[in-house]
Structure formats: structure tokens, C-alpha cells
């Protein structure tokens, strides 16, 4: 799968858009040719290695350093809440608090279902003292984020604009994701009327994506197909 993503990135801009912190995502993927948007798009950086797509598209062949961090002022409070949530979750077996720099993830996949409501109440009790933070829900995870108008959809639009692709009719963005938070990016493409969103899910569900795949392994073939198309592709960390 890493080879497939590397091959796509050699031909056109490819980004990993994840809820995890950018450094952690890079440590998983280990590809310098990609754009990385961590913390639900609140921390975006360009590739540190020049790819062929620069030459193919007539762009500068210098390595990019696109950087966007719209929630920097929240870093101290995020750290403070991380410490409080970590202490709270110690009493719930299986619960884990992940620090994603500009946001926090409280994972309850390994928590007994009977404890889910109690876990939710404990998280909300901590956030009662932090009105500038908001709580959203993903797949067996609670996300704590700054209350700013920014999500994966905003990250997608930022990258399109930064790369000079906004409102260009010869660009066809593709976004592949498997989480509820990816719906924000699917909606952006739907509203643009250009490009497609692909939801990876084993179960039918309401979505703004145009198409669906059943599991991460099925993402592999479309990546190689994209190498032969003129495409601008975004990939959530679903393939990992």
C-alpha cells in the first residue's frame, strides 16, 4: 500500500488528512512526497521531497513547505485538558487519551460497552470548565477540539487554494475516508460539484460521499488506477 501511495504522489499532489497529530501520521506513513494534515486539518505541512507531479503540472520543482496552524493559541489549554482527561480515564479499563497536539482523542474501543455512558459523562464533566473547546464523536472515539470553524473540509479547501487548484475545471479531487469526520470533506466536494468522495465502510450508512468501498484493502486498486489519470487525490489514514 505504501508503494501505491508513493506512486500516486509521483504524479499528482497527495495528502493524508487525519485526526492524529501530523508527526505521528508521518511516523506511520514515512513518505516525504506527501502533504500531511494532522489534528483534523489544524496542522498542515507540505512535502519535504520533490515529486514528478511538479514537473508534469508545470509547477515549481522546489519542495513545498505549506503550513497552516489555525489553532496555535489553544495549545496550552489542550495540554491542560489532556492531563485532566488522562487522570479521569485511569478508572475506566481500556480507555485511552491520545494527544494529537491541536486536539485530543478519547478512545473507548477497548472499553466494556456498559462503561461507555460513564466515560462520556466524565469527558463532558471535564469540558464543562473549558467553553472554548467542543466535543465531537467518531468511530468509538470522542474528539476534543478547539471551537473554531475548521475541519477536514477546510483543510481540503486550504490545500486546493494553496496549490493553485481552486476553481480550476481541469482538476478532479478525490477524497477517501472511513470516519464520520471525513463527511466534512465529502460535503466540500459535493458542494463544489467537482471530484468525488469515497467512503470506506462495511455497512450502508448515510453519507455525502459519491461512492463506497467495503474495506481498506479495496483502496489499493483505485490508487494504481489514479496513476493513469489527471487527478488530485486526498487520502485519509484509512489505508493504514
C-alpha atoms as a PDB file:
ATOM      1  CA  UNK A   1       0.000   0.000   0.000  1.00  0.00           C
ATOM      2  CA  UNK A   2       2.879   2.362   0.747  1.00  0.00           C
ATOM      3  CA  UNK A   3       4.249   1.739  -2.748  1.00  0.00           C
ATOM      4  CA  UNK A   4       0.823   2.523  -4.248  1.00  0.00           C
ATOM      5  CA  UNK A   5       0.604   5.826  -2.379  1.00  0.00           C
ATOM      6  CA  UNK A   6       4.176   6.685  -3.347  1.00  0.00           C
ATOM      7  CA  UNK A   7       3.322   6.014  -6.981  1.00  0.00           C
ATOM      8  CA  UNK A   8       0.277   8.289  -6.856  1.00  0.00           C
ATOM      9  CA  UNK A   9       2.299  11.061  -5.192  1.00  0.00           C
ATOM     10  CA  UNK A  10       4.867  10.941  -8.004  1.00  0.00           C
ATOM     11  CA  UNK A  11       2.189  12.032 -10.473  1.00  0.00           C
ATOM     12  CA  UNK A  12      -0.039  14.437  -8.540  1.00  0.00           C
ATOM     13  CA  UNK A  13      -0.374  16.071  -5.112  1.00  0.00           C
ATOM     14  CA  UNK A  14      -1.414  13.560  -2.480  1.00  0.00           C
ATOM     15  CA  UNK A  15      -2.345  14.350   1.113  1.00  0.00           C
ATOM     16  CA  UNK A  16      -3.001  12.370   4.259  1.00  0.00           C
ATOM     17  CA  UNK A  17      -5.786  14.065   6.245  1.00  0.00           C
ATOM     18  CA  UNK A  18      -6.044  12.633   9.741  1.00  0.00           C
ATOM     19  CA  UNK A  19      -7.327  13.273  13.228  1.00  0.00           C
ATOM     20  CA  UNK A  20      -3.977  12.135  14.590  1.00  0.00           C
ATOM     21  CA  UNK A  21      -1.143  14.612  15.105  1.00  0.00           C
ATOM     22  CA  UNK A  22       0.921  15.305  11.999  1.00  0.00           C
ATOM     23  CA  UNK A  23       4.210  13.925  13.366  1.00  0.00           C
ATOM     24  CA  UNK A  24       2.549  10.664  14.379  1.00  0.00           C
ATOM     25  CA  UNK A  25       0.940  10.243  10.955  1.00  0.00           C
ATOM     26  CA  UNK A  26       4.299  10.810   9.274  1.00  0.00           C
ATOM     27  CA  UNK A  27       5.901   8.188  11.535  1.00  0.00           C
ATOM     28  CA  UNK A  28       3.269   5.696  10.304  1.00  0.00           C
ATOM     29  CA  UNK A  29       3.465   6.534   6.600  1.00  0.00           C
ATOM     30  CA  UNK A  30       7.123   7.532   6.185  1.00  0.00           C
ATOM     31  CA  UNK A  31       6.660   9.123   2.752  1.00  0.00           C
ATOM     32  CA  UNK A  32       8.297  12.516   2.218  1.00  0.00           C
ATOM     33  CA  UNK A  33       6.410  13.175  -1.040  1.00  0.00           C
ATOM     34  CA  UNK A  34       3.058  13.763   0.675  1.00  0.00           C
ATOM     35  CA  UNK A  35       1.176  16.671   2.205  1.00  0.00           C
ATOM     36  CA  UNK A  36       0.246  15.929   5.819  1.00  0.00           C
ATOM     37  CA  UNK A  37      -2.781  17.476   7.513  1.00  0.00           C
ATOM     38  CA  UNK A  38      -2.914  16.333  11.137  1.00  0.00           C
ATOM     39  CA  UNK A  39      -5.236  17.201  14.025  1.00  0.00           C
ATOM     40  CA  UNK A  40      -8.273  17.213  11.685  1.00  0.00           C
ATOM     41  CA  UNK A  41      -6.512  19.626   9.359  1.00  0.00           C
ATOM     42  CA  UNK A  42      -5.340  22.069  12.049  1.00  0.00           C
ATOM     43  CA  UNK A  43      -1.699  21.307  11.330  1.00  0.00           C
ATOM     44  CA  UNK A  44      -0.762  21.174   7.632  1.00  0.00           C
ATOM     45  CA  UNK A  45       2.683  20.855   6.098  1.00  0.00           C
ATOM     46  CA  UNK A  46       3.875  20.222   2.558  1.00  0.00           C
ATOM     47  CA  UNK A  47       6.229  17.510   1.288  1.00  0.00           C
ATOM     48  CA  UNK A  48       9.932  17.640   2.050  1.00  0.00           C
ATOM     49  CA  UNK A  49      10.773  15.755  -1.138  1.00  0.00           C
ATOM     50  CA  UNK A  50      10.101  16.964  -4.678  1.00  0.00           C
ATOM     51  CA  UNK A  51       7.777  14.728  -6.748  1.00  0.00           C
ATOM     52  CA  UNK A  52       7.372  14.297 -10.506  1.00  0.00           C
ATOM     53  CA  UNK A  53       3.913  15.871 -10.448  1.00  0.00           C
ATOM     54  CA  UNK A  54       5.540  19.293 -10.052  1.00  0.00           C
ATOM     55  CA  UNK A  55       7.179  18.979 -13.444  1.00  0.00           C
ATOM     56  CA  UNK A  56       4.147  17.330 -15.050  1.00  0.00           C
ATOM     57  CA  UNK A  57       1.835  20.141 -13.941  1.00  0.00           C
ATOM     58  CA  UNK A  58       4.269  22.927 -14.763  1.00  0.00           C
ATOM     59  CA  UNK A  59       4.713  23.915 -11.099  1.00  0.00           C
ATOM     60  CA  UNK A  60       7.833  24.917  -9.218  1.00  0.00           C
ATOM     61  CA  UNK A  61      10.170  21.988  -8.571  1.00  0.00           C
ATOM     62  CA  UNK A  62      11.112  23.258  -5.128  1.00  0.00           C
ATOM     63  CA  UNK A  63       9.920  21.178  -2.152  1.00  0.00           C
ATOM     64  CA  UNK A  64       6.858  22.759  -0.581  1.00  0.00           C
ATOM     65  CA  UNK A  65       6.508  23.998   2.989  1.00  0.00           C
ATOM     66  CA  UNK A  66       2.783  24.800   3.004  1.00  0.00           C
ATOM     67  CA  UNK A  67       1.967  25.389   6.663  1.00  0.00           C
ATOM     68  CA  UNK A  68      -1.341  26.104   8.336  1.00  0.00           C
ATOM     69  CA  UNK A  69      -1.960  26.078  12.091  1.00  0.00           C
ATOM     70  CA  UNK A  70      -5.193  27.958  12.801  1.00  0.00           C
ATOM     71  CA  UNK A  71      -5.457  26.832  16.439  1.00  0.00           C
ATOM     72  CA  UNK A  72      -1.993  27.594  17.844  1.00  0.00           C
ATOM     73  CA  UNK A  73      -3.394  29.689  20.690  1.00  0.00           C
ATOM     74  CA  UNK A  74      -5.191  26.602  22.042  1.00  0.00           C
ATOM     75  CA  UNK A  75      -2.037  24.538  22.630  1.00  0.00           C
ATOM     76  CA  UNK A  76      -1.695  25.347  26.385  1.00  0.00           C
ATOM     77  CA  UNK A  77      -5.342  24.562  27.162  1.00  0.00           C
ATOM     78  CA  UNK A  78      -5.227  21.354  25.098  1.00  0.00           C
ATOM     79  CA  UNK A  79      -2.264  20.189  27.173  1.00  0.00           C
ATOM     80  CA  UNK A  80      -4.081  21.076  30.396  1.00  0.00           C
ATOM     81  CA  UNK A  81      -7.216  19.176  29.394  1.00  0.00           C
ATOM     82  CA  UNK A  82      -5.105  16.213  28.279  1.00  0.00           C
ATOM     83  CA  UNK A  83      -3.693  15.890  31.785  1.00  0.00           C
ATOM     84  CA  UNK A  84      -7.140  16.090  33.380  1.00  0.00           C
ATOM     85  CA  UNK A  85      -8.727  13.599  30.998  1.00  0.00           C
ATOM     86  CA  UNK A  86      -5.836  11.158  31.415  1.00  0.00           C
ATOM     87  CA  UNK A  87      -6.338  11.229  35.169  1.00  0.00           C
ATOM     88  CA  UNK A  88     -10.109  10.734  34.765  1.00  0.00           C
ATOM     89  CA  UNK A  89      -9.776   7.804  32.388  1.00  0.00           C
ATOM     90  CA  UNK A  90      -7.466   5.859  34.707  1.00  0.00           C
ATOM     91  CA  UNK A  91     -10.538   4.466  36.489  1.00  0.00           C
ATOM     92  CA  UNK A  92     -12.046   3.078  33.245  1.00  0.00           C
ATOM     93  CA  UNK A  93     -10.269  -0.066  31.976  1.00  0.00           C
ATOM     94  CA  UNK A  94      -9.425   0.124  28.277  1.00  0.00           C
ATOM     95  CA  UNK A  95      -9.898   3.878  27.919  1.00  0.00           C
ATOM     96  CA  UNK A  96      -7.065   5.811  26.281  1.00  0.00           C
ATOM     97  CA  UNK A  97      -6.491   9.530  25.807  1.00  0.00           C
ATOM     98  CA  UNK A  98      -4.420  10.402  22.741  1.00  0.00           C
ATOM     99  CA  UNK A  99      -2.774  13.811  22.481  1.00  0.00           C
ATOM    100  CA  UNK A 100      -2.946  14.914  18.847  1.00  0.00           C
ATOM    101  CA  UNK A 101      -1.352  18.313  19.529  1.00  0.00           C
ATOM    102  CA  UNK A 102      -4.260  20.571  18.476  1.00  0.00           C
ATOM    103  CA  UNK A 103      -6.974  18.160  19.594  1.00  0.00           C
ATOM    104  CA  UNK A 104      -7.475  15.164  21.877  1.00  0.00           C
ATOM    105  CA  UNK A 105      -8.966  11.738  21.189  1.00  0.00           C
ATOM    106  CA  UNK A 106     -10.570   9.665  23.935  1.00  0.00           C
ATOM    107  CA  UNK A 107     -10.668   6.103  22.581  1.00  0.00           C
ATOM    108  CA  UNK A 108     -13.177   3.645  24.023  1.00  0.00           C
ATOM    109  CA  UNK A 109     -12.900   0.779  21.530  1.00  0.00           C
ATOM    110  CA  UNK A 110     -11.406  -1.440  24.265  1.00  0.00           C
ATOM    111  CA  UNK A 111     -13.865  -0.299  26.950  1.00  0.00           C
ATOM    112  CA  UNK A 112     -16.770  -2.514  28.013  1.00  0.00           C
ATOM    113  CA  UNK A 113     -19.965  -1.205  26.423  1.00  0.00           C
ATOM    114  CA  UNK A 114     -21.591  -0.910  29.848  1.00  0.00           C
ATOM    115  CA  UNK A 115     -18.999   1.772  30.689  1.00  0.00           C
ATOM    116  CA  UNK A 116     -19.486   3.937  27.589  1.00  0.00           C
ATOM    117  CA  UNK A 117     -22.086   6.254  29.120  1.00  0.00           C
ATOM    118  CA  UNK A 118     -19.976   6.807  32.240  1.00  0.00           C
ATOM    119  CA  UNK A 119     -16.951   7.572  30.097  1.00  0.00           C
ATOM    120  CA  UNK A 120     -18.939  10.125  28.103  1.00  0.00           C
ATOM    121  CA  UNK A 121     -20.171  11.812  31.263  1.00  0.00           C
ATOM    122  CA  UNK A 122     -16.639  12.042  32.671  1.00  0.00           C
ATOM    123  CA  UNK A 123     -15.325  13.639  29.475  1.00  0.00           C
ATOM    124  CA  UNK A 124     -18.181  16.152  29.382  1.00  0.00           C
ATOM    125  CA  UNK A 125     -17.637  16.990  33.068  1.00  0.00           C
ATOM    126  CA  UNK A 126     -14.027  17.955  32.355  1.00  0.00           C
ATOM    127  CA  UNK A 127     -15.013  20.060  29.332  1.00  0.00           C
ATOM    128  CA  UNK A 128     -17.636  21.981  31.324  1.00  0.00           C
ATOM    129  CA  UNK A 129     -14.760  24.158  32.548  1.00  0.00           C
ATOM    130  CA  UNK A 130     -13.499  24.798  29.004  1.00  0.00           C
ATOM    131  CA  UNK A 131     -16.214  26.513  26.943  1.00  0.00           C
ATOM    132  CA  UNK A 132     -13.754  27.236  24.105  1.00  0.00           C
ATOM    133  CA  UNK A 133     -13.403  23.524  23.410  1.00  0.00           C
ATOM    134  CA  UNK A 134     -16.018  21.342  21.727  1.00  0.00           C
ATOM    135  CA  UNK A 135     -16.745  17.612  21.765  1.00  0.00           C
ATOM    136  CA  UNK A 136     -17.499  15.504  18.689  1.00  0.00           C
ATOM    137  CA  UNK A 137     -17.814  11.765  18.159  1.00  0.00           C
ATOM    138  CA  UNK A 138     -16.083   9.449  15.701  1.00  0.00           C
ATOM    139  CA  UNK A 139     -15.850   5.672  15.476  1.00  0.00           C
ATOM    140  CA  UNK A 140     -15.627   4.618  19.133  1.00  0.00           C
ATOM    141  CA  UNK A 141     -13.746   7.795  19.922  1.00  0.00           C
ATOM    142  CA  UNK A 142     -14.640  11.170  21.431  1.00  0.00           C
ATOM    143  CA  UNK A 143     -12.798  14.115  19.885  1.00  0.00           C
ATOM    144  CA  UNK A 144     -11.965  17.261  21.859  1.00  0.00           C
ATOM    145  CA  UNK A 145     -11.207  20.205  19.577  1.00  0.00           C
ATOM    146  CA  UNK A 146     -10.920  24.000  19.692  1.00  0.00           C
ATOM    147  CA  UNK A 147     -14.226  25.718  18.959  1.00  0.00           C
ATOM    148  CA  UNK A 148     -13.106  27.239  15.697  1.00  0.00           C
ATOM    149  CA  UNK A 149     -14.582  26.878  12.236  1.00  0.00           C
ATOM    150  CA  UNK A 150     -12.088  24.352  10.945  1.00  0.00           C
ATOM    151  CA  UNK A 151     -12.327  20.681   9.988  1.00  0.00           C
ATOM    152  CA  UNK A 152     -11.128  18.237   7.314  1.00  0.00           C
ATOM    153  CA  UNK A 153     -13.252  20.047   4.747  1.00  0.00           C
ATOM    154  CA  UNK A 154     -11.484  23.317   5.497  1.00  0.00           C
ATOM    155  CA  UNK A 155      -8.145  21.512   5.206  1.00  0.00           C
ATOM    156  CA  UNK A 156      -9.124  20.227   1.762  1.00  0.00           C
ATOM    157  CA  UNK A 157     -10.114  23.723   0.609  1.00  0.00           C
ATOM    158  CA  UNK A 158      -6.915  25.200   2.052  1.00  0.00           C
ATOM    159  CA  UNK A 159      -4.762  22.743   0.107  1.00  0.00           C
ATOM    160  CA  UNK A 160      -6.669  23.301  -3.121  1.00  0.00           C
ATOM    161  CA  UNK A 161      -6.239  27.054  -2.800  1.00  0.00           C
ATOM    162  CA  UNK A 162      -2.598  26.903  -1.694  1.00  0.00           C
ATOM    163  CA  UNK A 163      -1.695  24.717  -4.665  1.00  0.00           C
ATOM    164  CA  UNK A 164      -3.497  26.982  -7.103  1.00  0.00           C
ATOM    165  CA  UNK A 165      -6.214  24.411  -7.890  1.00  0.00           C
ATOM    166  CA  UNK A 166      -9.259  26.237  -6.524  1.00  0.00           C
ATOM    167  CA  UNK A 167     -11.961  26.751  -9.175  1.00  0.00           C
ATOM    168  CA  UNK A 168      -9.903  25.013 -11.879  1.00  0.00           C
ATOM    169  CA  UNK A 169     -12.009  22.833 -14.157  1.00  0.00           C
ATOM    170  CA  UNK A 170      -9.080  20.593 -15.113  1.00  0.00           C
ATOM    171  CA  UNK A 171      -8.591  19.318 -11.568  1.00  0.00           C
ATOM    172  CA  UNK A 172     -10.555  16.328 -10.241  1.00  0.00           C
ATOM    173  CA  UNK A 173     -10.114  15.911  -6.455  1.00  0.00           C
ATOM    174  CA  UNK A 174     -10.674  12.520  -4.834  1.00  0.00           C
ATOM    175  CA  UNK A 175     -11.054  12.107  -1.071  1.00  0.00           C
ATOM    176  CA  UNK A 176     -11.088   8.654   0.528  1.00  0.00           C
ATOM    177  CA  UNK A 177     -12.111   8.266   4.178  1.00  0.00           C
ATOM    178  CA  UNK A 178     -13.784   5.948   6.643  1.00  0.00           C
ATOM    179  CA  UNK A 179     -14.748   8.161   9.587  1.00  0.00           C
ATOM    180  CA  UNK A 180     -17.644  10.429  10.450  1.00  0.00           C
ATOM    181  CA  UNK A 181     -15.226  13.368  10.483  1.00  0.00           C
ATOM    182  CA  UNK A 182     -14.478  12.760   6.793  1.00  0.00           C
ATOM    183  CA  UNK A 183     -18.041  13.785   5.934  1.00  0.00           C
ATOM    184  CA  UNK A 184     -16.940  17.441   6.138  1.00  0.00           C
ATOM    185  CA  UNK A 185     -14.553  16.833   3.234  1.00  0.00           C
ATOM    186  CA  UNK A 186     -17.146  14.827   1.298  1.00  0.00           C
ATOM    187  CA  UNK A 187     -19.565  17.759   1.626  1.00  0.00           C
ATOM    188  CA  UNK A 188     -16.967  20.179   0.245  1.00  0.00           C
ATOM    189  CA  UNK A 189     -16.587  18.098  -2.906  1.00  0.00           C
ATOM    190  CA  UNK A 190     -20.354  17.672  -3.170  1.00  0.00           C
ATOM    191  CA  UNK A 191     -20.892  21.444  -2.936  1.00  0.00           C
ATOM    192  CA  UNK A 192     -18.127  22.062  -5.480  1.00  0.00           C
ATOM    193  CA  UNK A 193     -19.829  19.707  -7.914  1.00  0.00           C
ATOM    194  CA  UNK A 194     -16.372  18.519  -8.857  1.00  0.00           C
ATOM    195  CA  UNK A 195     -14.390  15.456  -7.821  1.00  0.00           C
ATOM    196  CA  UNK A 196     -15.675  12.570  -5.696  1.00  0.00           C
ATOM    197  CA  UNK A 197     -15.687  11.364  -2.122  1.00  0.00           C
ATOM    198  CA  UNK A 198     -15.259   7.656  -1.411  1.00  0.00           C
ATOM    199  CA  UNK A 199     -16.443   6.238   1.917  1.00  0.00           C
ATOM    200  CA  UNK A 200     -14.841   3.036   3.182  1.00  0.00           C
ATOM    201  CA  UNK A 201     -17.403   1.077   5.187  1.00  0.00           C
ATOM    202  CA  UNK A 202     -18.728  -2.462   5.537  1.00  0.00           C
ATOM    203  CA  UNK A 203     -22.202  -1.230   6.421  1.00  0.00           C
ATOM    204  CA  UNK A 204     -24.617   1.017   4.487  1.00  0.00           C
ATOM    205  CA  UNK A 205     -24.884   4.473   6.055  1.00  0.00           C
ATOM    206  CA  UNK A 206     -25.968   7.989   5.180  1.00  0.00           C
ATOM    207  CA  UNK A 207     -23.085   9.882   3.593  1.00  0.00           C
ATOM    208  CA  UNK A 208     -22.176  12.783   1.334  1.00  0.00           C
ATOM    209  CA  UNK A 209     -19.640  10.585  -0.462  1.00  0.00           C
ATOM    210  CA  UNK A 210     -20.278   9.663  -4.091  1.00  0.00           C
ATOM    211  CA  UNK A 211     -19.058   6.075  -3.862  1.00  0.00           C
ATOM    212  CA  UNK A 212     -18.044   3.480  -1.298  1.00  0.00           C
ATOM    213  CA  UNK A 213     -15.554   0.668  -0.782  1.00  0.00           C
ATOM    214  CA  UNK A 214     -16.032  -2.101   1.758  1.00  0.00           C
ATOM    215  CA  UNK A 215     -12.607  -2.243   3.413  1.00  0.00           C
ATOM    216  CA  UNK A 216      -9.138  -0.630   3.366  1.00  0.00           C
ATOM    217  CA  UNK A 217      -7.711  -3.374   1.144  1.00  0.00           C
ATOM    218  CA  UNK A 218     -10.078  -2.273  -1.646  1.00  0.00           C
ATOM    219  CA  UNK A 219      -8.452   1.172  -1.681  1.00  0.00           C
ATOM    220  CA  UNK A 220      -5.351  -0.388  -3.230  1.00  0.00           C
ATOM    221  CA  UNK A 221      -6.640  -0.794  -6.815  1.00  0.00           C
ATOM    222  CA  UNK A 222      -8.089   2.739  -7.206  1.00  0.00           C
ATOM    223  CA  UNK A 223      -4.716   4.183  -6.188  1.00  0.00           C
ATOM    224  CA  UNK A 224      -2.977   2.480  -9.090  1.00  0.00           C
ATOM    225  CA  UNK A 225      -5.801   3.494 -11.415  1.00  0.00           C
ATOM    226  CA  UNK A 226      -5.248   7.122 -10.421  1.00  0.00           C
ATOM    227  CA  UNK A 227      -1.650   6.981 -11.634  1.00  0.00           C
ATOM    228  CA  UNK A 228      -3.026   6.926 -15.193  1.00  0.00           C
ATOM    229  CA  UNK A 229      -5.489   9.809 -14.654  1.00  0.00           C
ATOM    230  CA  UNK A 230      -5.110  13.561 -14.211  1.00  0.00           C
ATOM    231  CA  UNK A 231      -6.214  13.600 -10.596  1.00  0.00           C
ATOM    232  CA  UNK A 232      -5.690  15.430  -7.313  1.00  0.00           C
ATOM    233  CA  UNK A 233      -6.174  12.830  -4.597  1.00  0.00           C
ATOM    234  CA  UNK A 234      -6.650  13.155  -0.846  1.00  0.00           C
ATOM    235  CA  UNK A 235      -6.361  10.084   1.350  1.00  0.00           C
ATOM    236  CA  UNK A 236      -7.481   9.791   4.937  1.00  0.00           C
ATOM    237  CA  UNK A 237      -5.368   7.456   7.105  1.00  0.00           C
ATOM    238  CA  UNK A 238      -7.884   4.675   6.363  1.00  0.00           C
ATOM    239  CA  UNK A 239      -5.343   2.796   4.224  1.00  0.00           C
ATOM    240  CA  UNK A 240      -3.030   2.252   7.185  1.00  0.00           C
END
